[in-house]
Amino acid sequence: MNEKKLYKSQTNRVICGVCAGVAEYFNVDVTVVRVVWALATLAGLSGIIGYIIAAILIPEQP
């Protein structure tokens, strides 16, 4: 059985690779994840704090 794991992307990163890692995990386009994350940040949903926490907690891709 192939277990999916969430990792920060090493190849498709802009800052820390969090959005690219989330996009790879859910098999969606990275642009969609980045736009949703940006809209959440602009809407006051603590997108920046969430990104920082995710960057700390999500491990690097092996």
PDB file of N, CA and C in Angstrom:
ATOM      1  N   MET A   1       0.844  -1.186   0.000  1.00  0.00           N
ATOM      2  CA  MET A   1       0.000   0.000   0.000  1.00  0.00           C
ATOM      3  C   MET A   1       0.887   1.247   0.000  1.00  0.00           C
ATOM      4  N   ASN A   2       0.590   2.177  -0.877  1.00  0.00           N
ATOM      5  CA  ASN A   2       1.382   3.392  -1.001  1.00  0.00           C
ATOM      6  C   ASN A   2       0.789   4.480  -0.112  1.00  0.00           C
ATOM      7  N   GLU A   3       1.506   4.841   0.939  1.00  0.00           N
ATOM      8  CA  GLU A   3       1.042   5.849   1.877  1.00  0.00           C
ATOM      9  C   GLU A   3       1.500   7.230   1.416  1.00  0.00           C
ATOM     10  N   LYS A   4       0.557   8.166   1.289  1.00  0.00           N
ATOM     11  CA  LYS A   4       0.909   9.526   0.917  1.00  0.00           C
ATOM     12  C   LYS A   4       1.364  10.267   2.167  1.00  0.00           C
ATOM     13  N   LYS A   5       2.426  11.044   2.030  1.00  0.00           N
ATOM     14  CA  LYS A   5       2.906  11.872   3.132  1.00  0.00           C
ATOM     15  C   LYS A   5       3.087  13.296   2.636  1.00  0.00           C
ATOM     16  N   LEU A   6       2.855  14.223   3.530  1.00  0.00           N
ATOM     17  CA  LEU A   6       2.977  15.641   3.208  1.00  0.00           C
ATOM     18  C   LEU A   6       4.402  16.096   3.486  1.00  0.00           C
ATOM     19  N   TYR A   7       5.039  16.639   2.458  1.00  0.00           N
ATOM     20  CA  TYR A   7       6.385  17.188   2.573  1.00  0.00           C
ATOM     21  C   TYR A   7       6.424  18.555   1.917  1.00  0.00           C
ATOM     22  N   LYS A   8       7.364  19.403   2.359  1.00  0.00           N
ATOM     23  CA  LYS A   8       7.628  20.646   1.644  1.00  0.00           C
ATOM     24  C   LYS A   8       8.367  20.289   0.366  1.00  0.00           C
ATOM     25  N   SER A   9       8.012  20.939  -0.709  1.00  0.00           N
ATOM     26  CA  SER A   9       8.620  20.654  -2.007  1.00  0.00           C
ATOM     27  C   SER A   9      10.044  21.205  -2.058  1.00  0.00           C
ATOM     28  N   GLN A  10      10.928  20.441  -2.677  1.00  0.00           N
ATOM     29  CA  GLN A  10      12.312  20.885  -2.883  1.00  0.00           C
ATOM     30  C   GLN A  10      12.480  21.558  -4.248  1.00  0.00           C
ATOM     31  N   THR A  11      11.617  21.208  -5.192  1.00  0.00           N
ATOM     32  CA  THR A  11      11.810  21.665  -6.565  1.00  0.00           C
ATOM     33  C   THR A  11      10.921  22.824  -6.974  1.00  0.00           C
ATOM     34  N   ASN A  12       9.742  22.932  -6.425  1.00  0.00           N
ATOM     35  CA  ASN A  12       8.773  23.942  -6.863  1.00  0.00           C
ATOM     36  C   ASN A  12       8.483  24.925  -5.737  1.00  0.00           C
ATOM     37  N   ARG A  13       9.514  25.493  -5.173  1.00  0.00           N
ATOM     38  CA  ARG A  13       9.315  26.376  -4.030  1.00  0.00           C
ATOM     39  C   ARG A  13       9.503  27.830  -4.419  1.00  0.00           C
ATOM     40  N   VAL A  14       8.753  28.691  -3.729  1.00  0.00           N
ATOM     41  CA  VAL A  14       8.936  30.122  -3.876  1.00  0.00           C
ATOM     42  C   VAL A  14       9.560  30.649  -2.589  1.00  0.00           C
ATOM     43  N   ILE A  15       8.993  30.282  -1.447  1.00  0.00           N
ATOM     44  CA  ILE A  15       9.552  30.691  -0.161  1.00  0.00           C
ATOM     45  C   ILE A  15      10.103  29.459   0.551  1.00  0.00           C
ATOM     46  N   CYS A  16       9.227  28.629   1.065  1.00  0.00           N
ATOM     47  CA  CYS A  16       9.662  27.431   1.801  1.00  0.00           C
ATOM     48  C   CYS A  16       9.194  26.128   1.167  1.00  0.00           C
ATOM     49  N   GLY A  17       8.333  26.197   0.174  1.00  0.00           N
ATOM     50  CA  GLY A  17       7.846  24.989  -0.480  1.00  0.00           C
ATOM     51  C   GLY A  17       6.578  24.420   0.115  1.00  0.00           C
ATOM     52  N   VAL A  18       5.933  25.171   1.014  1.00  0.00           N
ATOM     53  CA  VAL A  18       4.725  24.682   1.681  1.00  0.00           C
ATOM     54  C   VAL A  18       3.571  24.530   0.694  1.00  0.00           C
ATOM     55  N   CYS A  19       3.285  25.562  -0.078  1.00  0.00           N
ATOM     56  CA  CYS A  19       2.158  25.501  -1.019  1.00  0.00           C
ATOM     57  C   CYS A  19       2.373  24.412  -2.068  1.00  0.00           C
ATOM     58  N   ALA A  20       3.590  24.287  -2.563  1.00  0.00           N
ATOM     59  CA  ALA A  20       3.873  23.249  -3.551  1.00  0.00           C
ATOM     60  C   ALA A  20       3.722  21.866  -2.943  1.00  0.00           C
ATOM     61  N   GLY A  21       4.138  21.711  -1.700  1.00  0.00           N
ATOM     62  CA  GLY A  21       3.976  20.423  -1.024  1.00  0.00           C
ATOM     63  C   GLY A  21       2.520  20.065  -0.818  1.00  0.00           C
ATOM     64  N   VAL A  22       1.718  21.048  -0.423  1.00  0.00           N
ATOM     65  CA  VAL A  22       0.276  20.824  -0.241  1.00  0.00           C
ATOM     66  C   VAL A  22      -0.367  20.480  -1.580  1.00  0.00           C
ATOM     67  N   ALA A  23       0.033  21.186  -2.645  1.00  0.00           N
ATOM     68  CA  ALA A  23      -0.510  20.911  -3.974  1.00  0.00           C
ATOM     69  C   ALA A  23      -0.160  19.497  -4.435  1.00  0.00           C
ATOM     70  N   GLU A  24       1.077  19.072  -4.198  1.00  0.00           N
ATOM     71  CA  GLU A  24       1.481  17.717  -4.579  1.00  0.00           C
ATOM     72  C   GLU A  24       0.702  16.677  -3.770  1.00  0.00           C
ATOM     73  N   TYR A  25       0.491  16.945  -2.489  1.00  0.00           N
ATOM     74  CA  TYR A  25      -0.224  15.995  -1.628  1.00  0.00           C
ATOM     75  C   TYR A  25      -1.668  15.804  -2.099  1.00  0.00           C
ATOM     76  N   PHE A  26      -2.355  16.912  -2.429  1.00  0.00           N
ATOM     77  CA  PHE A  26      -3.754  16.847  -2.852  1.00  0.00           C
ATOM     78  C   PHE A  26      -3.914  16.700  -4.363  1.00  0.00           C
ATOM     79  N   ASN A  27      -2.806  16.656  -5.093  1.00  0.00           N
ATOM     80  CA  ASN A  27      -2.805  16.476  -6.538  1.00  0.00           C
ATOM     81  C   ASN A  27      -3.617  17.565  -7.259  1.00  0.00           C
ATOM     82  N   VAL A  28      -3.325  18.815  -6.884  1.00  0.00           N
ATOM     83  CA  VAL A  28      -3.938  19.972  -7.542  1.00  0.00           C
ATOM     84  C   VAL A  28      -2.818  20.891  -8.026  1.00  0.00           C
ATOM     85  N   ASP A  29      -3.159  21.834  -8.864  1.00  0.00           N
ATOM     86  CA  ASP A  29      -2.178  22.777  -9.384  1.00  0.00           C
ATOM     87  C   ASP A  29      -1.693  23.691  -8.261  1.00  0.00           C
ATOM     88  N   VAL A  30      -0.399  23.926  -8.216  1.00  0.00           N
ATOM     89  CA  VAL A  30       0.192  24.740  -7.160  1.00  0.00           C
ATOM     90  C   VAL A  30      -0.330  26.180  -7.196  1.00  0.00           C
ATOM     91  N   THR A  31      -0.674  26.671  -8.375  1.00  0.00           N
ATOM     92  CA  THR A  31      -1.209  28.031  -8.482  1.00  0.00           C
ATOM     93  C   THR A  31      -2.518  28.168  -7.721  1.00  0.00           C
ATOM     94  N   VAL A  32      -3.354  27.144  -7.766  1.00  0.00           N
ATOM     95  CA  VAL A  32      -4.626  27.165  -7.030  1.00  0.00           C
ATOM     96  C   VAL A  32      -4.359  27.270  -5.536  1.00  0.00           C
ATOM     97  N   VAL A  33      -3.430  26.492  -5.042  1.00  0.00           N
ATOM     98  CA  VAL A  33      -3.116  26.516  -3.609  1.00  0.00           C
ATOM     99  C   VAL A  33      -2.559  27.885  -3.211  1.00  0.00           C
ATOM    100  N   ARG A  34      -1.676  28.433  -4.036  1.00  0.00           N
ATOM    101  CA  ARG A  34      -1.104  29.744  -3.714  1.00  0.00           C
ATOM    102  C   ARG A  34      -2.150  30.848  -3.725  1.00  0.00           C
ATOM    103  N   VAL A  35      -3.080  30.801  -4.681  1.00  0.00           N
ATOM    104  CA  VAL A  35      -4.135  31.818  -4.741  1.00  0.00           C
ATOM    105  C   VAL A  35      -5.057  31.697  -3.528  1.00  0.00           C
ATOM    106  N   VAL A  36      -5.436  30.473  -3.177  1.00  0.00           N
ATOM    107  CA  VAL A  36      -6.304  30.269  -2.003  1.00  0.00           C
ATOM    108  C   VAL A  36      -5.597  30.758  -0.745  1.00  0.00           C
ATOM    109  N   TRP A  37      -4.305  30.447  -0.617  1.00  0.00           N
ATOM    110  CA  TRP A  37      -3.547  30.875   0.561  1.00  0.00           C
ATOM    111  C   TRP A  37      -3.457  32.405   0.615  1.00  0.00           C
ATOM    112  N   ALA A  38      -3.230  33.045  -0.535  1.00  0.00           N
ATOM    113  CA  ALA A  38      -3.154  34.495  -0.587  1.00  0.00           C
ATOM    114  C   ALA A  38      -4.498  35.135  -0.245  1.00  0.00           C
ATOM    115  N   LEU A  39      -5.584  34.571  -0.771  1.00  0.00           N
ATOM    116  CA  LEU A  39      -6.914  35.101  -0.452  1.00  0.00           C
ATOM    117  C   LEU A  39      -7.237  34.934   1.026  1.00  0.00           C
ATOM    118  N   ALA A  40      -6.831  33.814   1.610  1.00  0.00           N
ATOM    119  CA  ALA A  40      -7.049  33.605   3.049  1.00  0.00           C
ATOM    120  C   ALA A  40      -6.264  34.635   3.858  1.00  0.00           C
ATOM    121  N   THR A  41      -5.077  34.951   3.401  1.00  0.00           N
ATOM    122  CA  THR A  41      -4.267  35.959   4.093  1.00  0.00           C
ATOM    123  C   THR A  41      -4.916  37.332   3.990  1.00  0.00           C
ATOM    124  N   LEU A  42      -5.379  37.682   2.802  1.00  0.00           N
ATOM    125  CA  LEU A  42      -6.015  38.987   2.612  1.00  0.00           C
ATOM    126  C   LEU A  42      -7.353  39.091   3.334  1.00  0.00           C
ATOM    127  N   ALA A  43      -8.022  37.963   3.522  1.00  0.00           N
ATOM    128  CA  ALA A  43      -9.319  37.962   4.191  1.00  0.00           C
ATOM    129  C   ALA A  43      -9.171  37.978   5.711  1.00  0.00           C
ATOM    130  N   GLY A  44      -7.940  37.979   6.192  1.00  0.00           N
ATOM    131  CA  GLY A  44      -7.720  38.041   7.632  1.00  0.00           C
ATOM    132  C   GLY A  44      -7.817  36.702   8.329  1.00  0.00           C
ATOM    133  N   LEU A  45      -7.591  35.624   7.595  1.00  0.00           N
ATOM    134  CA  LEU A  45      -7.712  34.299   8.187  1.00  0.00           C
ATOM    135  C   LEU A  45      -6.369  33.755   8.663  1.00  0.00           C
ATOM    136  N   SER A  46      -5.461  34.644   9.003  1.00  0.00           N
ATOM    137  CA  SER A  46      -4.147  34.279   9.540  1.00  0.00           C
ATOM    138  C   SER A  46      -3.359  33.378   8.602  1.00  0.00           C
ATOM    139  N   GLY A  47      -3.386  33.673   7.329  1.00  0.00           N
ATOM    140  CA  GLY A  47      -2.644  32.889   6.356  1.00  0.00           C
ATOM    141  C   GLY A  47      -1.142  32.947   6.572  1.00  0.00           C
ATOM    142  N   ILE A  48      -0.637  34.100   6.998  1.00  0.00           N
ATOM    143  CA  ILE A  48       0.805  34.233   7.216  1.00  0.00           C
ATOM    144  C   ILE A  48       1.242  33.395   8.401  1.00  0.00           C
ATOM    145  N   ILE A  49       0.478  33.447   9.480  1.00  0.00           N
ATOM    146  CA  ILE A  49       0.820  32.645  10.668  1.00  0.00           C
ATOM    147  C   ILE A  49       0.703  31.165  10.332  1.00  0.00           C
ATOM    148  N   GLY A  50      -0.324  30.792   9.595  1.00  0.00           N
ATOM    149  CA  GLY A  50      -0.494  29.397   9.194  1.00  0.00           C
ATOM    150  C   GLY A  50       0.653  28.921   8.324  1.00  0.00           C
ATOM    151  N   TYR A  51       1.136  29.798   7.443  1.00  0.00           N
ATOM    152  CA  TYR A  51       2.251  29.440   6.572  1.00  0.00           C
ATOM    153  C   TYR A  51       3.518  29.219   7.397  1.00  0.00           C
ATOM    154  N   ILE A  52       3.773  30.097   8.331  1.00  0.00           N
ATOM    155  CA  ILE A  52       4.967  29.972   9.174  1.00  0.00           C
ATOM    156  C   ILE A  52       4.912  28.688   9.992  1.00  0.00           C
ATOM    157  N   ILE A  53       3.759  28.391  10.558  1.00  0.00           N
ATOM    158  CA  ILE A  53       3.602  27.154  11.339  1.00  0.00           C
ATOM    159  C   ILE A  53       3.798  25.938  10.444  1.00  0.00           C
ATOM    160  N   ALA A  54       3.203  25.965   9.257  1.00  0.00           N
ATOM    161  CA  ALA A  54       3.357  24.843   8.323  1.00  0.00           C
ATOM    162  C   ALA A  54       4.809  24.688   7.894  1.00  0.00           C
ATOM    163  N   ALA A  55       5.499  25.796   7.673  1.00  0.00           N
ATOM    164  CA  ALA A  55       6.903  25.740   7.262  1.00  0.00           C
ATOM    165  C   ALA A  55       7.772  25.115   8.348  1.00  0.00           C
ATOM    166  N   ILE A  56       7.397  25.311   9.597  1.00  0.00           N
ATOM    167  CA  ILE A  56       8.149  24.732  10.710  1.00  0.00           C
ATOM    168  C   ILE A  56       7.795  23.257  10.900  1.00  0.00           C
ATOM    169  N   LEU A  57       6.518  22.908  10.780  1.00  0.00           N
ATOM    170  CA  LEU A  57       6.063  21.556  11.119  1.00  0.00           C
ATOM    171  C   LEU A  57       6.193  20.534  10.000  1.00  0.00           C
ATOM    172  N   ILE A  58       6.008  20.959   8.747  1.00  0.00           N
ATOM    173  CA  ILE A  58       6.052  20.014   7.628  1.00  0.00           C
ATOM    174  C   ILE A  58       7.514  19.702   7.312  1.00  0.00           C
ATOM    175  N   PRO A  59       7.859  18.423   7.259  1.00  0.00           N
ATOM    176  CA  PRO A  59       9.270  18.087   6.987  1.00  0.00           C
ATOM    177  C   PRO A  59       9.657  18.293   5.529  1.00  0.00           C
ATOM    178  N   GLU A  60      10.965  18.428   5.306  1.00  0.00           N
ATOM    179  CA  GLU A  60      11.507  18.537   3.945  1.00  0.00           C
ATOM    180  C   GLU A  60      11.309  17.234   3.198  1.00  0.00           C
ATOM    181  N   GLN A  61      11.175  17.325   1.904  1.00  0.00           N
ATOM    182  CA  GLN A  61      11.048  16.142   1.045  1.00  0.00           C
ATOM    183  C   GLN A  61      12.378  15.381   1.062  1.00  0.00           C
ATOM    184  N   PRO A  62      12.323  14.074   1.288  1.00  0.00           N
ATOM    185  CA  PRO A  62      13.588  13.315   1.341  1.00  0.00           C
ATOM    186  C   PRO A  62      14.275  13.193  -0.018  1.00  0.00           C
TER     187      PRO A  62
END
